[in-house]
Amino acid sequence: MTQRTTPIGVKVAVTIMCLVWGSTWFVVRAGLGEMQPFGSGGLRFFLAWVLMLAVAPWIARKEGGAPPTLRLVVVMASGNFAISYGIVYWAEQTLPSGLTAVLWAVFPMMTAFVAQLQGVESRLRGLQWCGLAVGFVGVVLLFLTDVRSVGGDAVERGLVLLLSPLVSAFSTAYVKRHGAHVSAALLNRSALLLGSLMLLGASLVVEGGVSLPSTATGAFGVLYLALFGTVLTFTLYFWVLRQASTVALSLIAYVTPAIALLVGAMLGEESVTRWTLVGLTLVLFGCGLVLRRPPQDGSVKG
């Protein structure tokens, strides 16, 4: 029997995920100065799998849950790890880390839209559709200003980047729907191995091999991403996901871009323009409208 999470436990877990994931965008971009994108992501997830080998059985006994099916592992490995993160690593070769995080903040809107398509959430209402439009305007504004100002192939990479949260939304919705009684630790462990092999294989084919970090700072970055940015956060995420609303949990995307912008500006000297803030505001406001759930007929607000 799986153990239920407490409200306090959920809040602590979400806080940890926001702080850690808000910092990982900068660490990813910093590491790309020493490693190729697919190889860097593959090494991160492979190290995370090694770490999960030691802790997954203990966590699984504490949380309960059945072993994951092969289909569930494949969906999570490809959608949440290999494809989604492969795109992020590739895009951050050009795009600043904070701006990448802001563009990825459309995830809650995509999650709500996918959930509606799959019939796992209630239908979107008028204001929620307005939220999709507002968020879209925010993304367009960011492309017309900040993304275009980066130069090079930033616009093309930014457009491809938007596929990352979309793929992740489909994968997360599937895990939510079919993995309610599955051990998050065991699912995470198996998906990390398969996802890492997918990225490492892509690195061999596309990048000509996997390069290792050449400095202590680079090695620390990969270890930080593996231990904190992957093992800790994804175990917490899919542990809470089994019992919380998919759309509600995606609210993490509200906080992480703000943290990413702050970290990028302080450590990476990335610029934060007024258009960045306006675009972020529109995206998050749109997410807020999309995630708004009107009371049902006959219900009252408490």
Protein backbone atom coordinates (compact mmCIF):
# COMPACT_ATOMS: atom_id res chain seq x y z
CA MET A 1 0.00 0.00 0.00
CA THR A 2 1.33 3.44 -0.94
CA GLN A 3 1.76 6.07 1.74
CA ARG A 4 -0.13 9.32 1.38
CA THR A 5 1.74 12.58 1.37
CA THR A 6 0.83 15.25 3.94
CA PRO A 7 0.08 18.89 2.99
CA ILE A 8 3.27 19.99 4.75
CA GLY A 9 5.26 17.29 2.98
CA VAL A 10 3.95 18.46 -0.40
CA LYS A 11 4.87 22.09 0.36
CA VAL A 12 8.40 21.14 1.44
CA ALA A 13 8.87 18.99 -1.64
CA VAL A 14 7.65 21.73 -3.99
CA THR A 15 9.89 24.33 -2.31
CA ILE A 16 12.96 22.12 -2.73
CA MET A 17 12.12 21.45 -6.38
CA CYS A 18 11.68 25.17 -7.11
CA LEU A 19 15.00 26.16 -5.56
CA VAL A 20 17.01 23.37 -7.18
CA TRP A 21 15.40 23.48 -10.61
CA GLY A 22 15.67 27.27 -10.61
CA SER A 23 19.45 26.91 -10.39
CA THR A 24 19.92 24.04 -12.84
CA TRP A 25 19.31 26.16 -15.95
CA PHE A 26 22.50 28.13 -15.33
CA VAL A 27 24.51 25.03 -14.39
CA VAL A 28 23.46 23.34 -17.64
CA ARG A 29 24.57 26.30 -19.76
CA ALA A 30 27.86 26.64 -17.86
CA GLY A 31 28.66 22.98 -18.47
CA LEU A 32 28.14 23.33 -22.22
CA GLY A 33 31.41 25.24 -22.36
CA GLU A 34 33.20 21.92 -21.75
CA MET A 35 30.81 19.27 -23.07
CA GLN A 36 28.47 18.63 -25.99
CA PRO A 37 24.73 18.88 -25.19
CA PHE A 38 23.60 15.26 -25.65
CA GLY A 39 26.72 13.85 -24.01
CA SER A 40 26.38 16.24 -21.09
CA GLY A 41 22.74 15.32 -20.53
CA GLY A 42 23.45 11.62 -20.95
CA LEU A 43 26.31 11.68 -18.44
CA ARG A 44 24.12 13.57 -15.98
CA PHE A 45 21.35 11.00 -16.11
CA PHE A 46 23.73 8.03 -16.10
CA LEU A 47 25.38 9.30 -12.90
CA ALA A 48 21.92 9.91 -11.47
CA TRP A 49 21.01 6.29 -12.26
CA VAL A 50 24.14 5.06 -10.46
CA LEU A 51 23.14 7.10 -7.41
CA MET A 52 19.57 5.84 -7.61
CA LEU A 53 20.79 2.24 -7.54
CA ALA A 54 21.82 2.76 -3.93
CA VAL A 55 18.78 4.68 -2.65
CA ALA A 56 15.85 3.53 -4.82
CA PRO A 57 15.14 0.25 -2.95
CA TRP A 58 15.11 2.04 0.42
CA ILE A 59 12.87 4.84 -0.89
CA ALA A 60 10.57 2.32 -2.56
CA ARG A 61 10.04 0.49 0.74
CA LYS A 62 9.14 3.77 2.44
CA GLU A 63 6.73 5.05 -0.21
CA GLY A 64 5.27 1.76 -1.34
CA GLY A 65 3.95 1.22 -4.84
CA ALA A 66 4.25 -1.46 -7.49
CA PRO A 67 7.19 -1.90 -9.90
CA PRO A 68 6.72 0.15 -13.09
CA THR A 69 5.72 -1.42 -16.38
CA LEU A 70 8.08 -1.33 -19.35
CA ARG A 71 5.74 1.00 -21.24
CA LEU A 72 5.69 3.45 -18.34
CA VAL A 73 9.49 3.42 -18.17
CA VAL A 74 9.84 4.00 -21.92
CA VAL A 75 7.38 6.92 -21.88
CA MET A 76 9.11 8.64 -18.98
CA ALA A 77 12.64 7.93 -20.24
CA SER A 78 11.94 9.33 -23.69
CA GLY A 79 9.48 12.11 -22.86
CA ASN A 80 10.68 13.48 -19.52
CA PHE A 81 14.40 12.80 -19.96
CA ALA A 82 15.87 12.08 -23.40
CA ILE A 83 13.73 14.21 -25.72
CA SER A 84 12.75 17.02 -23.35
CA TYR A 85 16.17 17.54 -21.81
CA GLY A 86 17.99 16.85 -25.05
CA ILE A 87 16.17 19.82 -26.56
CA VAL A 88 16.92 22.03 -23.54
CA TYR A 89 20.66 21.23 -23.60
CA TRP A 90 20.78 21.80 -27.36
CA ALA A 91 18.91 25.12 -27.14
CA GLU A 92 21.07 26.47 -24.32
CA GLN A 93 24.09 26.39 -26.60
CA THR A 94 22.70 29.68 -27.90
CA LEU A 95 19.96 30.89 -25.57
CA PRO A 96 20.77 32.38 -22.12
CA SER A 97 19.74 30.15 -19.22
CA GLY A 98 17.23 32.60 -17.74
CA LEU A 99 15.50 33.20 -21.06
CA THR A 100 15.33 29.45 -21.68
CA ALA A 101 13.63 28.98 -18.33
CA VAL A 102 11.15 31.77 -19.09
CA LEU A 103 10.18 30.19 -22.42
CA TRP A 104 9.82 26.80 -20.70
CA ALA A 105 7.36 28.41 -18.28
CA VAL A 106 4.59 27.66 -20.80
CA PHE A 107 4.63 24.12 -19.37
CA PRO A 108 1.54 24.63 -17.13
CA MET A 109 -0.50 25.82 -20.11
CA MET A 110 0.61 22.89 -22.22
CA THR A 111 -0.08 20.53 -19.33
CA ALA A 112 -3.63 21.85 -18.98
CA PHE A 113 -4.23 21.61 -22.72
CA VAL A 114 -2.89 18.05 -22.93
CA ALA A 115 -4.88 17.04 -19.85
CA GLN A 116 -8.03 18.29 -21.55
CA LEU A 117 -7.24 16.43 -24.78
CA GLN A 118 -6.80 13.22 -22.80
CA GLY A 119 -9.89 13.83 -20.71
CA VAL A 120 -8.09 13.68 -17.35
CA GLU A 121 -9.04 17.20 -16.24
CA SER A 122 -12.23 19.25 -16.47
CA ARG A 123 -12.91 21.20 -19.67
CA LEU A 124 -11.33 24.63 -20.10
CA ARG A 125 -13.72 27.57 -19.74
CA GLY A 126 -13.76 31.05 -21.27
CA LEU A 127 -11.18 32.72 -19.03
CA GLN A 128 -8.91 29.71 -19.34
CA TRP A 129 -8.91 29.98 -23.12
CA CYS A 130 -8.11 33.69 -22.66
CA GLY A 131 -5.18 32.57 -20.53
CA LEU A 132 -3.83 30.49 -23.40
CA ALA A 133 -4.08 33.57 -25.64
CA VAL A 134 -2.34 35.82 -23.10
CA GLY A 135 0.46 33.32 -22.59
CA PHE A 136 0.88 33.01 -26.35
CA VAL A 137 1.20 36.79 -26.64
CA GLY A 138 3.90 36.70 -23.95
CA VAL A 139 5.87 34.06 -25.86
CA VAL A 140 5.56 35.99 -29.13
CA LEU A 141 6.76 39.16 -27.38
CA LEU A 142 9.81 37.32 -26.03
CA PHE A 143 10.65 36.07 -29.53
CA LEU A 144 10.28 39.55 -31.03
CA THR A 145 12.55 41.11 -28.40
CA ASP A 146 14.89 39.03 -26.23
CA VAL A 147 15.23 35.93 -28.42
CA ARG A 148 15.81 37.90 -31.60
CA SER A 149 18.37 40.13 -29.87
CA VAL A 150 20.53 37.09 -29.05
CA GLY A 151 21.27 36.73 -32.76
CA GLY A 152 22.52 33.76 -34.70
CA ASP A 153 20.10 30.85 -34.76
CA ALA A 154 18.43 31.86 -31.47
CA VAL A 155 14.96 32.17 -33.00
CA GLU A 156 15.15 28.72 -34.57
CA ARG A 157 16.42 27.17 -31.34
CA GLY A 158 13.76 28.99 -29.35
CA LEU A 159 11.02 27.57 -31.55
CA VAL A 160 12.39 24.05 -31.18
CA LEU A 161 12.71 24.61 -27.43
CA LEU A 162 8.93 24.98 -27.15
CA LEU A 163 8.66 21.30 -28.13
CA SER A 164 10.40 20.38 -24.86
CA PRO A 165 7.58 21.37 -22.46
CA LEU A 166 5.02 19.97 -24.91
CA VAL A 167 6.66 16.53 -24.97
CA SER A 168 7.09 16.65 -21.20
CA ALA A 169 3.41 17.55 -20.76
CA PHE A 170 2.28 14.49 -22.75
CA SER A 171 4.69 12.23 -20.86
CA THR A 172 3.74 13.61 -17.44
CA ALA A 173 0.04 13.22 -18.16
CA TYR A 174 0.61 9.60 -19.16
CA VAL A 175 2.58 8.87 -16.00
CA LYS A 176 -0.10 10.56 -13.93
CA ARG A 177 -2.84 8.51 -15.56
CA HIS A 178 -1.17 5.09 -15.62
CA GLY A 179 1.34 5.27 -12.77
CA ALA A 180 -0.84 6.19 -9.80
CA HIS A 181 0.12 3.06 -7.87
CA VAL A 182 3.70 2.73 -9.13
CA SER A 183 6.80 3.35 -7.03
CA ALA A 184 8.19 6.75 -8.05
CA ALA A 185 11.70 5.71 -7.00
CA LEU A 186 11.72 2.53 -9.09
CA LEU A 187 10.16 4.31 -12.07
CA ASN A 188 12.71 7.12 -11.80
CA ARG A 189 15.62 4.69 -11.53
CA SER A 190 14.66 2.65 -14.59
CA ALA A 191 13.78 5.69 -16.69
CA LEU A 192 17.08 7.37 -15.83
CA LEU A 193 19.05 4.43 -17.20
CA LEU A 194 17.08 4.20 -20.42
CA GLY A 195 16.99 7.99 -20.88
CA SER A 196 20.74 8.27 -20.33
CA LEU A 197 21.42 5.52 -22.88
CA MET A 198 19.23 7.34 -25.41
CA LEU A 199 21.17 10.58 -24.96
CA LEU A 200 24.57 8.89 -24.90
CA GLY A 201 23.64 7.03 -28.07
CA ALA A 202 22.61 10.31 -29.68
CA SER A 203 25.93 11.79 -28.60
CA LEU A 204 27.86 8.99 -30.27
CA VAL A 205 25.93 9.41 -33.52
CA VAL A 206 25.55 13.21 -33.69
CA GLU A 207 28.48 14.54 -31.65
CA GLY A 208 31.08 11.90 -32.45
CA GLY A 209 31.48 10.70 -28.87
CA VAL A 210 30.99 11.68 -25.25
CA SER A 211 33.42 14.26 -23.87
CA LEU A 212 34.09 14.46 -20.12
CA PRO A 213 34.36 17.71 -18.12
CA SER A 214 37.91 19.05 -18.18
CA THR A 215 37.81 21.10 -14.95
CA ALA A 216 36.77 20.55 -11.35
CA THR A 217 34.03 23.13 -11.79
CA GLY A 218 32.63 21.25 -14.76
CA ALA A 219 32.74 17.94 -12.89
CA PHE A 220 31.00 19.51 -9.88
CA GLY A 221 28.31 20.88 -12.19
CA VAL A 222 27.54 17.45 -13.64
CA LEU A 223 27.46 15.92 -10.16
CA TYR A 224 25.16 18.68 -8.89
CA LEU A 225 22.79 18.16 -11.80
CA ALA A 226 22.82 14.38 -11.26
CA LEU A 227 22.38 14.35 -7.48
CA PHE A 228 20.21 17.38 -6.76
CA GLY A 229 18.79 18.35 -10.15
CA THR A 230 17.75 14.79 -11.02
CA VAL A 231 17.76 12.18 -8.25
CA LEU A 232 16.34 14.39 -5.52
CA THR A 233 13.95 16.52 -7.57
CA PHE A 234 12.47 13.90 -9.88
CA THR A 235 11.96 11.45 -7.04
CA LEU A 236 10.06 14.16 -5.16
CA TYR A 237 8.17 15.21 -8.29
CA PHE A 238 6.81 11.82 -9.27
CA TRP A 239 6.21 10.89 -5.64
CA VAL A 240 3.90 13.89 -5.25
CA LEU A 241 2.52 13.53 -8.79
CA ARG A 242 0.79 10.25 -7.93
CA GLN A 243 -1.48 12.05 -5.45
CA ALA A 244 -1.63 15.69 -6.58
CA SER A 245 -3.22 17.31 -9.61
CA THR A 246 -0.96 17.26 -12.68
CA VAL A 247 -1.85 20.87 -13.46
CA ALA A 248 -1.46 22.04 -9.87
CA LEU A 249 1.99 20.49 -9.55
CA SER A 250 3.10 22.20 -12.74
CA LEU A 251 2.80 25.47 -10.80
CA ILE A 252 6.48 24.88 -10.05
CA ALA A 253 7.00 26.56 -13.41
CA TYR A 254 5.83 29.84 -11.83
CA VAL A 255 8.80 30.08 -9.48
CA THR A 256 11.66 28.43 -11.34
CA PRO A 257 11.97 31.00 -14.18
CA ALA A 258 12.22 33.86 -11.68
CA ILE A 259 14.95 32.01 -9.79
CA ALA A 260 16.68 31.14 -13.07
CA LEU A 261 16.66 34.78 -14.17
CA LEU A 262 18.14 35.84 -10.83
CA VAL A 263 20.86 33.19 -10.89
CA GLY A 264 21.72 33.91 -14.53
CA ALA A 265 21.97 37.63 -13.88
CA MET A 266 24.09 37.22 -10.74
CA LEU A 267 26.43 34.42 -11.80
CA GLY A 268 26.31 34.51 -15.57
CA GLU A 269 25.88 38.25 -16.08
CA GLU A 270 22.91 37.54 -18.35
CA SER A 271 20.80 40.55 -19.21
CA VAL A 272 17.25 40.89 -17.91
CA THR A 273 15.40 43.51 -19.94
CA ARG A 274 12.02 45.06 -19.36
CA TRP A 275 10.75 42.91 -22.22
CA THR A 276 11.94 39.82 -20.36
CA LEU A 277 9.88 40.83 -17.34
CA VAL A 278 6.85 41.81 -19.42
CA GLY A 279 6.97 38.55 -21.36
CA LEU A 280 7.38 36.53 -18.18
CA THR A 281 4.47 38.38 -16.58
CA LEU A 282 2.20 37.65 -19.55
CA VAL A 283 3.19 33.99 -19.63
CA LEU A 284 2.63 33.49 -15.92
CA PHE A 285 -0.60 35.50 -15.92
CA GLY A 286 -1.81 33.34 -18.77
CA CYS A 287 -0.87 30.24 -16.79
CA GLY A 288 -2.80 31.59 -13.84
CA LEU A 289 -5.95 31.97 -15.93
CA VAL A 290 -5.54 28.53 -17.47
CA LEU A 291 -5.06 26.88 -14.09
CA ARG A 292 -8.03 28.71 -12.61
CA ARG A 293 -10.76 26.25 -11.72
CA PRO A 294 -14.23 27.87 -11.46
CA PRO A 295 -16.51 26.46 -8.77
CA GLN A 296 -18.98 23.82 -9.88
CA ASP A 297 -22.71 24.53 -9.85
CA GLY A 298 -24.02 24.64 -6.30
CA SER A 299 -20.53 24.87 -4.74
CA VAL A 300 -19.32 27.65 -2.50
CA LYS A 301 -15.92 29.18 -1.94
CA GLY A 302 -14.34 28.48 1.42
